[in-house]
Amino acid sequence: MKIHSLIPAILITIAATGCATWDNMSSREKSAVTGAAVGGVAGAVITDGGVLGTVGGAAIGGVIGDQVGKKK
């Protein structure tokens, strides 16, 4: 894993999270967004910046976050 591929992934995650309107979102929606962001970064790191890994990680993370947020 190279640090050069991790830095852009983290910056994109921070930028996308800052664009979300957290005030009008439910706990479940917030959990889904957070899960998608974490999953996208994890997928990018694991696949060394691969698009399929990033998108797949975001999708899986979003589903997991949605299910975790449902229980709150």
Protein backbone atom coordinates (compact mmCIF):
# COMPACT_ATOMS: atom_id res chain seq x y z
CA MET A 1 0.00 0.00 0.00
CA LYS A 2 1.33 3.39 -0.94
CA ILE A 3 0.56 6.51 1.05
CA HIS A 4 0.09 8.40 -2.23
CA SER A 5 -3.10 6.45 -2.96
CA LEU A 6 -4.45 6.88 0.57
CA ILE A 7 -4.24 10.68 0.72
CA PRO A 8 -6.60 11.40 -2.23
CA ALA A 9 -9.11 8.88 -0.90
CA ILE A 10 -9.16 10.57 2.50
CA LEU A 11 -9.49 14.03 0.96
CA ILE A 12 -12.41 12.94 -1.23
CA THR A 13 -14.13 11.39 1.78
CA ILE A 14 -13.75 14.55 3.84
CA ALA A 15 -15.03 16.71 0.98
CA ALA A 16 -18.05 14.49 0.37
CA THR A 17 -18.89 14.36 4.05
CA GLY A 18 -18.72 18.15 4.30
CA CYS A 19 -21.27 18.50 1.49
CA ALA A 20 -23.92 16.47 3.27
CA THR A 21 -26.73 18.26 5.07
CA TRP A 22 -26.63 16.52 8.43
CA ASP A 23 -29.38 18.61 10.02
CA ASN A 24 -32.25 17.05 8.08
CA MET A 25 -30.94 13.48 8.05
CA SER A 26 -32.12 10.66 10.27
CA SER A 27 -29.73 8.56 12.30
CA ARG A 28 -30.10 5.75 9.79
CA GLU A 29 -29.20 8.01 6.85
CA LYS A 30 -26.18 9.39 8.68
CA SER A 31 -24.98 5.87 9.42
CA ALA A 32 -25.39 4.89 5.76
CA VAL A 33 -23.38 7.90 4.54
CA THR A 34 -20.64 7.28 7.08
CA GLY A 35 -20.52 3.59 6.19
CA ALA A 36 -20.27 4.39 2.49
CA ALA A 37 -17.42 6.82 3.10
CA VAL A 38 -15.47 4.38 5.26
CA GLY A 39 -16.17 1.52 2.86
CA GLY A 40 -15.05 3.58 -0.12
CA VAL A 41 -11.76 4.48 1.53
CA ALA A 42 -11.21 0.88 2.64
CA GLY A 43 -11.97 -0.41 -0.85
CA ALA A 44 -9.57 2.11 -2.40
CA VAL A 45 -6.81 1.15 0.00
CA ILE A 46 -7.29 -2.59 -0.44
CA THR A 47 -7.36 -2.42 -4.26
CA ASP A 48 -4.63 0.24 -4.45
CA GLY A 49 -6.99 2.87 -5.86
CA GLY A 50 -9.04 0.59 -8.12
CA VAL A 51 -12.38 2.01 -9.18
CA LEU A 52 -14.26 -1.26 -8.76
CA GLY A 53 -12.87 -1.76 -5.26
CA THR A 54 -13.72 1.81 -4.26
CA VAL A 55 -17.29 1.65 -5.55
CA GLY A 56 -17.81 -1.85 -4.18
CA GLY A 57 -16.48 -0.83 -0.78
CA ALA A 58 -18.74 2.21 -0.71
CA ALA A 59 -21.78 0.12 -1.63
CA ILE A 60 -21.08 -2.54 0.98
CA GLY A 61 -20.24 0.08 3.61
CA GLY A 62 -23.45 1.96 2.87
CA VAL A 63 -25.57 -1.16 3.32
CA ILE A 64 -23.81 -2.07 6.57
CA GLY A 65 -24.15 1.49 7.87
CA ASP A 66 -27.84 1.50 6.99
CA GLN A 67 -28.43 -1.71 8.93
CA VAL A 68 -26.46 -0.48 11.94
CA GLY A 69 -28.35 2.84 11.92
CA LYS A 70 -31.67 1.03 11.84
CA LYS A 71 -31.10 -0.26 15.35
CA LYS A 72 -30.56 3.20 16.89
